[in-house]
């Protein structure tokens, strides 16, 4: 009889919020066996991360405390175990990949040293050997030029690269149990496919058990043996992956499965805008001409993040911009808003070149162009209450009026994005990720802009909340006549939200077409690879695709498409593809 590696019985965890006690986990029971992959799914706030962190005893106490229950690690009770024992356990026997790599990496230490640290601590390697092994681990998780990158700091890595570094760190000591808390949330599909294939490979080699906390049911379909569905701190359903996907019993499980964006389903027709405008719809609102953005890497090296791209966005339109991390899509969005200074090229907003405006003119223009950031936690001031976070935007542009008017406007904005008036008096840390993202959206809407750059606004959210946010953005677009540049790596969401989609790779746009057209007949090999990497929420399909994907993931890590001299060429009406120049002459 195989013994479970972890056994959790009647676990209850509470948090103290002022005088109140909030029960985050309510009597959870489950076991995990060696070599098995178990998914814990549910929306943010369902208690899945708290449950996983309890295993490693990583919850801050106070305000959290375990009220009752038992957590056994290979028969050893961990609740009440001395700190010294827990230190041995963490990183060596049980490892964790955290959701947000930026807040879990030390900003003052080089990446290579951070990965090497656990090897010197738990495996007694010398600093030099540990660093060599760290570089080898970085290569295994697909970080190119690992030796150079090992000497860099976390802020010099893109989100996807930071996540890979975290995974290398978690796998360094070959743990018996890997707790993966949303390990691929902020990654693009091609990298997600590689990371999941990597985790599977490590699991097969080392027999590691994995607890995968995720809200992406597509990932679950291809990765997991069993699924535990949590809602409001309780387990509402558990079963094999196939049982959960093909015959869910609980209404909440059905709701989660229903919220998934289906890539193969046709797009719903777009809602007619309720806003009357005197704009000429054939004149672009935003025009980008030959935009180049280079960053100085020091030592005379320059990196070209955006490489001579041109496109237009029309009033009331949503243009989706997709591509892997490091492809230049966020840099493009930020350069449009003048948060980065373009190296060359022009950005015209309503016919006005933004890069030629004075500071004062730019401030006035900022009222019309806004951004919703990727990480709602990092972009909200933790010391301010929501009323002031949103209110500051109103103050800056002289839209606040009296205190009462300001308060009323903030409450109105919160209700517009589906939050409650009472939320105005809380701090950011008192909200879930999805709620924080709504606060970010409310802040962007406060100044009544015409154009919003949405920079990966869904990447840290669960599916049902992603669906709500997408519906919210569509509704706001219809009500307020907004124009969006929607930057994302989740192609299935982009399809349903965007009118047209541009695919970016290495600073270039390699394909641009109407969204339905792009999905039904992709032309560029990179677009095809992106679409093939998207996990579909269907276990049978995923098992077949996984084998093919594992083979191509090996290959993909080394595939490079040559786009340097490619020119965007119209191959059919409104469908543009980057073709090599010599091809276009024939």
Protein backbone atom coordinates (compact mmCIF):
# COMPACT_ATOMS: atom_id res chain seq x y z
CA UNK A 1 0.00 0.00 0.00
CA UNK A 2 1.53 3.32 -1.09
CA UNK A 3 1.67 5.87 1.71
CA UNK A 4 0.72 9.47 0.89
CA UNK A 5 3.62 11.91 0.89
CA UNK A 6 1.36 14.63 2.31
CA UNK A 7 -1.79 14.15 4.27
CA UNK A 8 -3.98 17.09 5.30
CA UNK A 9 -6.80 16.50 7.76
CA UNK A 10 -9.49 18.95 8.76
CA UNK A 11 -7.25 21.99 8.21
CA UNK A 12 -8.72 25.30 9.37
CA UNK A 13 -6.80 28.54 8.86
CA UNK A 14 -7.99 31.98 9.91
CA UNK A 15 -6.77 35.54 9.48
CA UNK A 16 -7.30 38.37 11.91
CA UNK A 17 -8.53 41.55 10.26
CA UNK A 18 -8.68 44.11 13.05
CA UNK A 19 -11.12 42.65 15.57
CA UNK A 20 -12.64 40.26 13.05
CA UNK A 21 -11.59 36.72 12.34
CA UNK A 22 -11.83 35.64 8.70
CA UNK A 23 -11.80 31.91 8.03
CA UNK A 24 -9.76 31.35 4.87
CA UNK A 25 -9.64 27.54 4.94
CA UNK A 26 -12.53 25.61 6.46
CA UNK A 27 -11.89 21.97 7.28
CA UNK A 28 -9.94 20.84 4.21
CA UNK A 29 -8.98 17.17 3.78
CA UNK A 30 -6.84 15.62 1.04
CA UNK A 31 -3.78 13.48 0.37
CA UNK A 32 -1.08 13.53 -2.27
CA UNK A 33 0.89 10.45 -3.28
CA UNK A 34 4.48 10.26 -4.55
CA UNK A 35 4.83 11.10 -8.24
CA UNK A 36 1.27 12.33 -8.55
CA UNK A 37 0.12 15.71 -9.89
CA UNK A 38 -2.86 17.18 -8.09
CA UNK A 39 -4.45 20.44 -9.14
CA UNK A 40 -6.16 22.75 -6.68
CA UNK A 41 -8.42 25.07 -8.67
CA UNK A 42 -10.73 27.86 -7.68
CA UNK A 43 -11.00 31.60 -7.91
CA UNK A 44 -8.75 33.97 -6.02
CA UNK A 45 -9.89 34.05 -2.43
CA UNK A 46 -10.98 30.41 -2.52
CA UNK A 47 -8.21 29.42 -0.10
CA UNK A 48 -6.06 27.42 -2.50
CA UNK A 49 -2.81 29.36 -1.95
CA UNK A 50 -3.38 29.51 1.82
CA UNK A 51 -3.78 25.72 1.86
CA UNK A 52 -0.53 25.21 -0.06
CA UNK A 53 1.44 27.71 2.00
CA UNK A 54 0.23 26.04 5.18
CA UNK A 55 2.08 22.88 4.11
CA UNK A 56 5.38 24.77 4.13
CA UNK A 57 4.26 26.84 7.11
CA UNK A 58 4.82 30.00 5.12
CA UNK A 59 1.84 32.00 6.31
CA UNK A 60 2.60 35.18 8.24
CA UNK A 61 1.58 34.77 11.85
CA UNK A 62 0.04 37.00 12.96
CA UNK A 63 -2.37 37.81 11.26
CA UNK A 64 -2.85 34.18 10.21
CA UNK A 65 -3.12 31.18 12.48
CA UNK A 66 -3.98 27.53 12.04
CA UNK A 67 -7.04 26.89 14.20
CA UNK A 68 -7.09 23.13 13.98
CA UNK A 69 -6.21 20.15 11.87
CA UNK A 70 -3.11 18.24 10.94
CA UNK A 71 -0.51 18.40 8.16
CA UNK A 72 1.57 15.26 7.92
CA UNK A 73 4.71 15.03 5.79
CA UNK A 74 5.53 11.34 5.22
CA UNK A 75 3.92 10.61 8.60
CA UNK A 76 5.63 13.50 10.44
CA UNK A 77 3.34 16.17 11.89
CA UNK A 78 4.39 19.61 10.64
CA UNK A 79 2.03 21.73 12.72
CA UNK A 80 4.07 22.57 15.78
CA UNK A 81 7.36 21.36 14.26
CA UNK A 82 10.34 23.50 15.36
CA UNK A 83 11.52 26.25 13.01
CA UNK A 84 14.87 24.48 12.53
CA UNK A 85 13.15 21.40 11.12
CA UNK A 86 11.03 23.54 8.82
CA UNK A 87 14.16 25.26 7.49
CA UNK A 88 15.60 21.87 6.55
CA UNK A 89 12.35 20.92 4.89
CA UNK A 90 11.86 24.06 2.83
CA UNK A 91 13.73 24.05 -0.43
CA UNK A 92 15.17 20.62 0.11
CA UNK A 93 12.23 18.24 0.56
CA UNK A 94 9.40 20.58 -0.33
CA UNK A 95 9.84 23.48 -2.73
CA UNK A 96 7.53 26.23 -3.83
CA UNK A 97 7.21 28.22 -7.05
CA UNK A 98 5.47 31.45 -6.18
CA UNK A 99 3.00 33.30 -8.31
CA UNK A 100 4.72 36.65 -8.37
CA UNK A 101 8.43 36.20 -9.10
CA UNK A 102 9.26 39.87 -8.63
CA UNK A 103 8.21 39.96 -4.98
CA UNK A 104 9.79 36.59 -4.20
CA UNK A 105 13.21 37.27 -5.74
CA UNK A 106 15.70 39.41 -3.83
CA UNK A 107 16.14 42.61 -5.86
CA UNK A 108 19.65 43.22 -4.51
CA UNK A 109 21.17 39.82 -5.32
CA UNK A 110 22.24 38.49 -8.71
CA UNK A 111 20.00 35.76 -10.12
CA UNK A 112 22.78 33.15 -10.28
CA UNK A 113 23.65 33.67 -6.63
CA UNK A 114 20.01 33.36 -5.58
CA UNK A 115 19.67 29.99 -7.30
CA UNK A 116 23.05 28.84 -5.95
CA UNK A 117 22.11 29.77 -2.38
CA UNK A 118 19.89 26.76 -1.71
CA UNK A 119 22.51 24.45 -3.24
CA UNK A 120 25.19 25.68 -0.83
CA UNK A 121 22.74 25.54 2.07
CA UNK A 122 21.07 22.18 1.51
CA UNK A 123 23.60 20.28 -0.57
CA UNK A 124 26.80 21.69 0.90
CA UNK A 125 28.26 22.62 -2.49
CA UNK A 126 31.06 25.16 -2.72
CA UNK A 127 30.08 28.60 -4.00
CA UNK A 128 31.75 27.93 -7.31
CA UNK A 129 30.14 24.52 -7.89
CA UNK A 130 26.78 25.86 -6.79
CA UNK A 131 27.04 28.69 -9.30
CA UNK A 132 27.97 26.29 -12.11
CA UNK A 133 24.97 24.13 -11.23
CA UNK A 134 22.76 27.24 -11.07
CA UNK A 135 23.84 28.17 -14.61
CA UNK A 136 23.07 24.65 -15.80
CA UNK A 137 19.60 24.87 -14.16
CA UNK A 138 18.99 28.21 -15.87
CA UNK A 139 19.76 26.57 -19.21
CA UNK A 140 17.39 23.70 -18.39
CA UNK A 141 14.52 26.12 -17.81
CA UNK A 142 15.21 27.78 -21.15
CA UNK A 143 17.11 30.92 -20.14
CA UNK A 144 19.41 31.69 -23.04
CA UNK A 145 22.94 33.04 -22.47
CA UNK A 146 22.62 31.65 -18.95
CA UNK A 147 26.18 32.52 -17.91
CA UNK A 148 25.68 36.21 -18.71
CA UNK A 149 22.17 36.28 -17.31
CA UNK A 150 23.31 34.70 -14.02
CA UNK A 151 25.22 37.90 -13.31
CA UNK A 152 22.12 40.07 -13.76
CA UNK A 153 19.59 41.29 -11.21
CA UNK A 154 15.84 40.48 -11.17
CA UNK A 155 14.83 43.88 -12.57
CA UNK A 156 16.86 43.14 -15.71
CA UNK A 157 14.71 40.09 -16.47
CA UNK A 158 11.32 40.09 -18.19
CA UNK A 159 8.38 38.57 -16.28
CA UNK A 160 8.68 35.24 -18.05
CA UNK A 161 12.43 35.08 -17.43
CA UNK A 162 11.97 35.86 -13.73
CA UNK A 163 9.44 33.05 -13.51
CA UNK A 164 11.94 30.66 -15.10
CA UNK A 165 14.57 31.72 -12.58
CA UNK A 166 12.08 30.99 -9.76
CA UNK A 167 11.43 27.54 -11.22
CA UNK A 168 15.16 26.84 -11.47
CA UNK A 169 15.47 27.83 -7.82
CA UNK A 170 12.59 25.59 -6.74
CA UNK A 171 13.96 22.58 -8.63
CA UNK A 172 17.58 23.13 -7.58
CA UNK A 173 17.56 20.61 -4.72
CA UNK A 174 15.32 18.10 -6.53
CA UNK A 175 12.51 18.22 -3.94
CA UNK A 176 10.07 15.36 -3.35
CA UNK A 177 7.11 17.72 -3.41
CA UNK A 178 6.77 20.80 -5.57
CA UNK A 179 4.10 23.33 -4.66
CA UNK A 180 3.51 25.34 -7.80
CA UNK A 181 1.36 28.37 -7.02
CA UNK A 182 0.17 29.67 -10.39
CA UNK A 183 3.61 28.97 -11.88
CA UNK A 184 2.69 29.98 -15.41
CA UNK A 185 0.21 32.79 -14.77
CA UNK A 186 2.38 35.52 -16.16
CA UNK A 187 3.90 33.53 -18.99
CA UNK A 188 3.10 33.35 -22.66
CA UNK A 189 1.73 30.13 -24.05
CA UNK A 190 4.87 28.96 -25.83
CA UNK A 191 6.91 29.42 -22.65
CA UNK A 192 4.11 27.98 -20.54
CA UNK A 193 4.16 24.88 -22.71
CA UNK A 194 7.94 24.59 -22.24
CA UNK A 195 7.76 25.18 -18.46
CA UNK A 196 4.99 22.62 -17.99
CA UNK A 197 6.87 20.12 -20.17
CA UNK A 198 9.93 20.85 -18.03
CA UNK A 199 8.02 20.25 -14.79
CA UNK A 200 6.61 17.01 -16.21
CA UNK A 201 10.08 15.89 -17.28
CA UNK A 202 11.58 16.65 -13.88
CA UNK A 203 8.68 14.80 -12.31
CA UNK A 204 9.26 11.70 -14.45
CA UNK A 205 12.98 11.80 -13.73
CA UNK A 206 12.79 12.43 -9.99
CA UNK A 207 9.36 11.07 -9.08
CA UNK A 208 8.43 14.45 -7.61
CA UNK A 209 4.85 14.95 -6.49
CA UNK A 210 3.33 18.22 -7.66
CA UNK A 211 0.52 20.26 -6.19
CA UNK A 212 -0.44 22.69 -8.93
CA UNK A 213 -2.47 25.68 -7.86
CA UNK A 214 -3.95 27.29 -10.89
CA UNK A 215 -7.00 28.85 -12.40
CA UNK A 216 -6.11 27.79 -15.94
CA UNK A 217 -8.12 24.66 -16.56
CA UNK A 218 -6.43 24.16 -19.91
CA UNK A 219 -3.18 23.54 -18.04
CA UNK A 220 -4.95 21.17 -15.64
CA UNK A 221 -6.34 19.12 -18.53
CA UNK A 222 -2.88 18.29 -19.81
CA UNK A 223 -0.91 18.09 -16.55
CA UNK A 224 -2.89 16.64 -13.69
CA UNK A 225 -4.06 13.25 -12.44
CA UNK A 226 -6.59 14.57 -9.95
CA UNK A 227 -8.40 17.86 -9.41
CA UNK A 228 -9.56 19.46 -6.17
CA UNK A 229 -12.04 22.31 -6.64
CA UNK A 230 -12.13 24.91 -3.86
CA UNK A 231 -14.64 27.64 -3.22
CA UNK A 232 -14.68 30.03 -0.25
CA UNK A 233 -12.24 27.95 1.76
CA UNK A 234 -13.93 24.60 1.25
CA UNK A 235 -13.43 21.69 -1.13
CA UNK A 236 -16.63 21.48 -3.17
CA UNK A 237 -15.61 18.72 -5.58
CA UNK A 238 -12.74 16.35 -6.13
CA UNK A 239 -12.15 13.68 -8.74
CA UNK A 240 -9.92 12.48 -11.54
CA UNK A 241 -9.19 15.08 -14.22
CA UNK A 242 -11.52 13.32 -16.64
CA UNK A 243 -14.40 13.16 -14.14
CA UNK A 244 -14.10 16.87 -13.41
CA UNK A 245 -13.95 17.90 -17.07
CA UNK A 246 -16.45 15.52 -18.59
CA UNK A 247 -18.98 15.13 -15.77
CA UNK A 248 -18.68 17.95 -13.24
CA UNK A 249 -21.27 17.66 -10.46
CA UNK A 250 -21.02 20.89 -8.46
CA UNK A 251 -22.53 24.08 -9.94
CA UNK A 252 -19.33 25.98 -9.08
CA UNK A 253 -17.17 23.54 -11.07
CA UNK A 254 -19.59 23.89 -13.98
CA UNK A 255 -19.34 27.69 -13.70
CA UNK A 256 -15.51 27.55 -13.79
CA UNK A 257 -15.51 25.30 -16.86
CA UNK A 258 -18.10 27.49 -18.51
CA UNK A 259 -16.01 30.64 -18.04
CA UNK A 260 -13.11 29.29 -20.10
CA UNK A 261 -12.50 31.16 -23.33
CA UNK A 262 -12.90 28.60 -26.09
CA UNK A 263 -10.40 29.21 -28.82
CA UNK A 264 -12.28 27.13 -31.38
CA UNK A 265 -15.62 28.84 -30.79
CA UNK A 266 -16.60 31.68 -33.13
CA UNK A 267 -16.54 35.22 -31.81
CA UNK A 268 -19.71 36.87 -30.60
CA UNK A 269 -20.73 39.94 -32.61
CA UNK A 270 -19.51 43.21 -31.11
CA UNK A 271 -21.89 45.42 -29.13
CA UNK A 272 -22.86 48.63 -30.90
CA UNK A 273 -21.37 51.67 -29.18
CA UNK A 274 -23.90 53.80 -27.34
CA UNK A 275 -21.76 56.91 -27.75
CA UNK A 276 -22.52 59.34 -30.53
CA UNK A 277 -19.32 60.84 -31.97
CA UNK A 278 -18.58 63.17 -34.81
CA UNK A 279 -15.34 61.31 -35.52
CA UNK A 280 -14.59 59.96 -38.94
CA UNK A 281 -14.31 56.20 -38.29
CA UNK A 282 -11.93 55.81 -41.23
CA UNK A 283 -9.38 58.15 -39.59
CA UNK A 284 -7.15 56.37 -37.06
CA UNK A 285 -7.20 57.60 -33.45
CA UNK A 286 -3.69 56.25 -32.86
CA UNK A 287 -1.07 55.99 -35.58
CA UNK A 288 2.33 54.44 -35.07
CA UNK A 289 4.91 55.12 -37.77
CA UNK A 290 8.26 53.33 -38.01
CA UNK A 291 8.56 53.14 -34.22
CA UNK A 292 11.95 52.08 -32.84
CA UNK A 293 12.81 51.78 -29.16
CA UNK A 294 16.29 50.82 -28.03
CA UNK A 295 17.57 50.36 -24.49
CA UNK A 296 21.13 51.01 -23.47
CA UNK A 297 22.52 47.90 -21.79
CA UNK A 298 25.81 49.57 -20.88
CA UNK A 299 29.26 48.62 -22.17
CA UNK A 300 28.30 50.05 -25.54
CA UNK A 301 25.58 47.40 -26.05
CA UNK A 302 22.09 48.36 -27.13
CA UNK A 303 19.00 46.22 -27.24
CA UNK A 304 16.34 46.97 -29.82
CA UNK A 305 13.06 46.12 -28.08
CA UNK A 306 10.81 47.58 -30.78
CA UNK A 307 12.14 47.30 -34.30
CA UNK A 308 10.57 49.65 -36.84
CA UNK A 309 6.86 48.89 -36.49
CA UNK A 310 3.85 50.72 -37.92
CA UNK A 311 0.15 50.22 -37.24
CA UNK A 312 -3.06 52.19 -36.64
CA UNK A 313 -5.92 51.88 -34.17
CA UNK A 314 -9.32 53.25 -35.16
CA UNK A 315 -11.87 54.95 -32.87
CA UNK A 316 -13.89 52.45 -30.82
CA UNK A 317 -11.68 49.56 -31.92
CA UNK A 318 -9.79 47.03 -29.81
CA UNK A 319 -6.46 46.03 -31.28
CA UNK A 320 -4.97 42.95 -29.62
CA UNK A 321 -1.17 42.78 -29.38
CA UNK A 322 0.17 39.32 -28.60
CA UNK A 323 3.57 37.70 -28.43
CA UNK A 324 5.87 36.09 -25.91
CA UNK A 325 7.53 38.00 -23.11
CA UNK A 326 10.44 39.97 -24.42
CA UNK A 327 8.76 40.37 -27.83
CA UNK A 328 8.41 44.11 -27.24
CA UNK A 329 4.66 44.35 -26.78
CA UNK A 330 4.67 46.11 -23.37
CA UNK A 331 7.48 48.41 -24.54
CA UNK A 332 5.31 49.31 -27.54
CA UNK A 333 2.38 50.14 -25.28
CA UNK A 334 4.51 52.21 -22.94
CA UNK A 335 6.22 54.06 -25.78
CA UNK A 336 2.78 54.94 -27.20
CA UNK A 337 1.97 56.61 -23.88
CA UNK A 338 5.38 58.34 -23.75
CA UNK A 339 6.30 56.40 -20.60
CA UNK A 340 9.34 55.48 -22.70
CA UNK A 341 10.94 57.93 -25.09
CA UNK A 342 10.96 56.50 -28.63
CA UNK A 343 14.43 56.15 -30.20
CA UNK A 344 12.94 57.08 -33.56
CA UNK A 345 9.59 57.07 -35.33
CA UNK A 346 6.33 58.83 -34.51
CA UNK A 347 3.26 58.19 -32.40
CA UNK A 348 0.27 60.30 -33.46
CA UNK A 349 -2.77 60.58 -31.25
CA UNK A 350 -5.71 62.16 -33.02
CA UNK A 351 -3.20 63.48 -35.55
CA UNK A 352 -0.96 65.08 -32.88
CA UNK A 353 2.64 63.76 -32.62
CA UNK A 354 2.97 62.91 -28.89
CA UNK A 355 6.76 62.95 -28.86
CA UNK A 356 6.78 66.65 -29.77
CA UNK A 357 4.56 67.86 -26.92
CA UNK A 358 5.81 70.01 -24.03
CA UNK A 359 5.46 68.65 -20.47
CA UNK A 360 2.34 70.74 -19.90
CA UNK A 361 0.72 69.62 -23.17
CA UNK A 362 1.61 66.03 -22.39
CA UNK A 363 -0.08 66.27 -19.00
CA UNK A 364 -3.28 67.47 -20.68
CA UNK A 365 -2.96 64.67 -23.21
CA UNK A 366 -2.50 62.11 -20.43
CA UNK A 367 -6.11 62.72 -19.52
CA UNK A 368 -7.11 61.22 -22.87
CA UNK A 369 -4.70 58.28 -22.86
CA UNK A 370 -4.48 55.93 -19.89
CA UNK A 371 -2.96 52.57 -18.98
CA UNK A 372 -4.11 49.56 -16.98
CA UNK A 373 -1.02 47.78 -15.69
CA UNK A 374 -0.24 44.09 -15.60
CA UNK A 375 0.45 43.79 -11.91
CA UNK A 376 -2.27 45.57 -9.98
CA UNK A 377 -0.39 45.15 -6.71
CA UNK A 378 2.78 46.88 -7.86
CA UNK A 379 0.90 49.74 -9.49
CA UNK A 380 -1.30 50.65 -6.50
CA UNK A 381 0.24 52.62 -3.63
CA UNK A 382 0.04 50.29 -0.59
CA UNK A 383 -0.04 53.25 1.81
CA UNK A 384 -3.10 54.87 0.24
CA UNK A 385 -6.72 53.96 0.62
CA UNK A 386 -8.61 53.24 -2.60
CA UNK A 387 -10.45 56.55 -2.33
CA UNK A 388 -7.10 58.36 -2.61
CA UNK A 389 -5.62 56.04 -5.26
CA UNK A 390 -8.52 56.82 -7.59
CA UNK A 391 -8.96 60.33 -6.20
CA UNK A 392 -5.36 61.32 -7.00
CA UNK A 393 -6.09 60.88 -10.73
CA UNK A 394 -9.11 63.19 -10.32
CA UNK A 395 -7.05 65.74 -8.35
CA UNK A 396 -4.25 65.83 -10.92
CA UNK A 397 -6.58 66.80 -13.71
CA UNK A 398 -8.75 69.11 -11.62
CA UNK A 399 -11.80 66.83 -11.83
CA UNK A 400 -12.32 66.25 -8.11
CA UNK A 401 -14.56 69.13 -7.06
CA UNK A 402 -15.42 69.23 -3.34
CA UNK A 403 -14.54 66.38 -0.96
CA UNK A 404 -18.09 65.04 -1.16
CA UNK A 405 -18.07 65.19 -4.96
CA UNK A 406 -14.69 63.42 -5.06
CA UNK A 407 -15.93 60.69 -2.69
CA UNK A 408 -19.14 60.28 -4.72
CA UNK A 409 -17.20 60.06 -8.02
CA UNK A 410 -14.83 57.43 -6.58
CA UNK A 411 -17.79 55.38 -5.31
CA UNK A 412 -19.48 55.70 -8.70
CA UNK A 413 -16.30 54.47 -10.44
CA UNK A 414 -16.01 51.53 -8.05
CA UNK A 415 -19.59 50.52 -8.78
CA UNK A 416 -18.94 50.93 -12.51
CA UNK A 417 -16.21 48.27 -12.29
CA UNK A 418 -18.29 45.95 -10.12
CA UNK A 419 -16.94 46.80 -6.64
CA UNK A 420 -18.82 48.20 -3.65
CA UNK A 421 -18.91 51.78 -2.38
CA UNK A 422 -17.56 50.64 0.99
CA UNK A 423 -14.37 49.43 -0.73
CA UNK A 424 -13.26 53.06 -1.09
CA UNK A 425 -12.03 53.12 2.51
CA UNK A 426 -9.82 50.03 2.26
CA UNK A 427 -6.14 49.54 1.42
CA UNK A 428 -4.88 47.51 -1.61
CA UNK A 429 -3.68 44.57 0.51
CA UNK A 430 -7.25 43.96 1.65
CA UNK A 431 -8.33 42.96 -1.86
CA UNK A 432 -7.92 39.87 -4.01
CA UNK A 433 -5.98 40.10 -7.29
CA UNK A 434 -9.14 40.43 -9.36
CA UNK A 435 -10.48 43.19 -7.16
CA UNK A 436 -7.16 45.05 -7.32
CA UNK A 437 -7.30 44.87 -11.10
CA UNK A 438 -10.76 46.42 -11.01
CA UNK A 439 -9.37 49.26 -8.89
CA UNK A 440 -6.69 49.76 -11.56
CA UNK A 441 -9.42 49.94 -14.22
CA UNK A 442 -11.46 52.39 -12.13
CA UNK A 443 -8.36 54.58 -11.75
CA UNK A 444 -7.77 54.56 -15.52
CA UNK A 445 -11.43 55.49 -16.14
CA UNK A 446 -11.44 58.28 -13.56
CA UNK A 447 -10.21 60.90 -16.03
CA UNK A 448 -12.63 59.81 -18.78
CA UNK A 449 -9.99 58.87 -21.37
CA UNK A 450 -10.58 58.08 -25.06
CA UNK A 451 -7.82 55.50 -25.36
CA UNK A 452 -6.58 52.90 -22.88
CA UNK A 453 -3.55 50.67 -23.17
CA UNK A 454 -4.39 47.44 -21.31
CA UNK A 455 -1.00 45.93 -20.48
CA UNK A 456 -1.69 42.27 -19.67
CA UNK A 457 -4.57 43.20 -17.36
CA UNK A 458 -5.78 39.60 -17.07
CA UNK A 459 -2.57 37.70 -16.55
CA UNK A 460 -2.85 37.40 -12.78
CA UNK A 461 -6.57 36.62 -12.64
CA UNK A 462 -8.63 33.45 -12.55
CA UNK A 463 -10.74 32.46 -15.50
CA UNK A 464 -14.14 33.41 -14.19
CA UNK A 465 -12.73 36.79 -13.13
CA UNK A 466 -10.93 37.17 -16.47
CA UNK A 467 -14.27 36.62 -18.11
CA UNK A 468 -15.88 39.25 -15.88
CA UNK A 469 -13.09 41.76 -16.60
CA UNK A 470 -13.34 41.13 -20.36
CA UNK A 471 -17.11 41.60 -20.21
CA UNK A 472 -16.56 44.73 -18.11
CA UNK A 473 -14.11 46.17 -20.66
CA UNK A 474 -16.51 45.39 -23.52
CA UNK A 475 -19.39 47.00 -21.62
CA UNK A 476 -17.28 50.07 -20.79
CA UNK A 477 -16.23 50.30 -24.43
CA UNK A 478 -19.86 50.24 -25.50
CA UNK A 479 -20.98 52.74 -22.83
CA UNK A 480 -18.06 55.16 -23.06
CA UNK A 481 -16.90 54.68 -26.65
CA UNK A 482 -13.38 53.67 -25.57
CA UNK A 483 -10.57 52.57 -27.86
CA UNK A 484 -8.22 49.87 -26.54
CA UNK A 485 -4.78 48.51 -27.26
CA UNK A 486 -5.04 45.15 -25.52
CA UNK A 487 -1.63 43.61 -24.80
CA UNK A 488 -1.75 39.97 -23.73
CA UNK A 489 -0.30 36.57 -24.18
CA UNK A 490 -3.55 34.71 -23.61
CA UNK A 491 -4.60 34.33 -27.21
CA UNK A 492 -7.99 32.80 -26.49
CA UNK A 493 -9.07 35.87 -24.51
CA UNK A 494 -7.64 38.24 -27.12
CA UNK A 495 -9.64 36.58 -29.84
CA UNK A 496 -12.94 37.24 -28.13
CA UNK A 497 -12.11 40.80 -27.12
CA UNK A 498 -10.26 42.21 -30.15
CA UNK A 499 -11.40 43.37 -33.55
CA UNK A 500 -7.94 42.90 -35.03
CA UNK A 501 -4.86 41.16 -33.65
CA UNK A 502 -1.19 41.95 -34.22
CA UNK A 503 1.38 39.26 -33.41
CA UNK A 504 4.79 40.46 -32.22
CA UNK A 505 8.06 38.58 -32.26
CA UNK A 506 11.49 40.00 -31.42
CA UNK A 507 10.35 43.60 -31.72
CA UNK A 508 8.60 43.14 -35.08
CA UNK A 509 4.96 42.68 -36.02
CA UNK A 510 4.94 39.39 -37.93
CA UNK A 511 1.21 39.15 -38.63
CA UNK A 512 -1.78 41.47 -38.40
CA UNK A 513 -5.34 40.49 -39.29
CA UNK A 514 -8.93 40.52 -38.13
CA UNK A 515 -9.09 38.27 -35.11
CA UNK A 516 -11.31 35.52 -36.53
CA UNK A 517 -9.19 35.45 -39.70
CA UNK A 518 -5.94 35.20 -37.72
CA UNK A 519 -7.21 32.18 -35.80
CA UNK A 520 -8.73 30.35 -38.76
CA UNK A 521 -5.87 30.89 -41.19
CA UNK A 522 -2.62 31.95 -39.52
CA UNK A 523 0.12 32.50 -42.10
CA UNK A 524 3.35 33.14 -40.22
CA UNK A 525 5.11 30.08 -38.71
CA UNK A 526 5.42 31.89 -35.38
CA UNK A 527 1.67 32.59 -35.22
CA UNK A 528 1.04 28.91 -35.96
CA UNK A 529 3.42 27.89 -33.15
CA UNK A 530 1.67 30.25 -30.73
CA UNK A 531 -1.76 28.85 -31.54
CA UNK A 532 -0.53 25.27 -31.26
CA UNK A 533 0.86 25.94 -27.78
CA UNK A 534 -2.44 27.05 -26.25
CA UNK A 535 -3.67 24.39 -23.82
CA UNK A 536 -7.28 23.39 -24.52
CA UNK A 537 -9.58 22.52 -21.61
CA UNK A 538 -10.12 18.96 -22.79
CA UNK A 539 -8.06 16.13 -21.22
CA UNK A 540 -8.35 13.72 -24.18
CA UNK A 541 -7.25 16.34 -26.70
CA UNK A 542 -4.50 17.59 -24.39
CA UNK A 543 -2.98 14.15 -23.82
CA UNK A 544 -2.60 13.74 -27.59
CA UNK A 545 -1.31 17.27 -28.06
CA UNK A 546 1.08 17.01 -25.14
CA UNK A 547 3.22 14.36 -26.75
CA UNK A 548 3.44 16.43 -29.93
CA UNK A 549 4.06 19.55 -27.88
CA UNK A 550 6.82 18.01 -25.77
CA UNK A 551 8.61 17.07 -28.97
CA UNK A 552 8.16 20.54 -30.41
CA UNK A 553 8.95 22.29 -27.09
CA UNK A 554 12.44 20.82 -27.32
CA UNK A 555 12.63 22.16 -30.82
CA UNK A 556 10.83 25.45 -30.05
CA UNK A 557 13.33 26.41 -27.44
CA UNK A 558 15.88 26.50 -30.24
CA UNK A 559 13.65 27.69 -33.11
CA UNK A 560 14.31 31.24 -34.15
CA UNK A 561 12.36 32.90 -36.90
CA UNK A 562 14.37 35.32 -38.95
CA UNK A 563 12.35 38.54 -38.98
CA UNK A 564 15.11 41.16 -39.08
CA UNK A 565 14.60 42.15 -42.73
CA UNK A 566 11.00 41.03 -43.06
CA UNK A 567 8.46 43.50 -44.41
CA UNK A 568 4.75 43.48 -43.58
CA UNK A 569 3.02 42.54 -46.81
CA UNK A 570 -0.72 42.37 -47.45
CA UNK A 571 -1.37 38.74 -48.47
CA UNK A 572 -5.16 39.08 -48.61
CA UNK A 573 -7.47 42.03 -47.82
CA UNK A 574 -6.51 43.39 -44.34
CA UNK A 575 -4.29 40.40 -43.61
CA UNK A 576 -0.65 41.37 -43.30
CA UNK A 577 2.28 38.99 -42.85
CA UNK A 578 6.00 39.68 -42.42
CA UNK A 579 7.73 38.20 -45.43
CA UNK A 580 11.44 38.17 -46.18
CA UNK A 581 12.24 40.80 -48.77
CA UNK A 582 13.71 38.44 -51.29
CA UNK A 583 10.41 36.54 -51.32
CA UNK A 584 8.47 39.68 -52.05
CA UNK A 585 10.44 40.45 -55.22
CA UNK A 586 9.47 37.31 -57.13
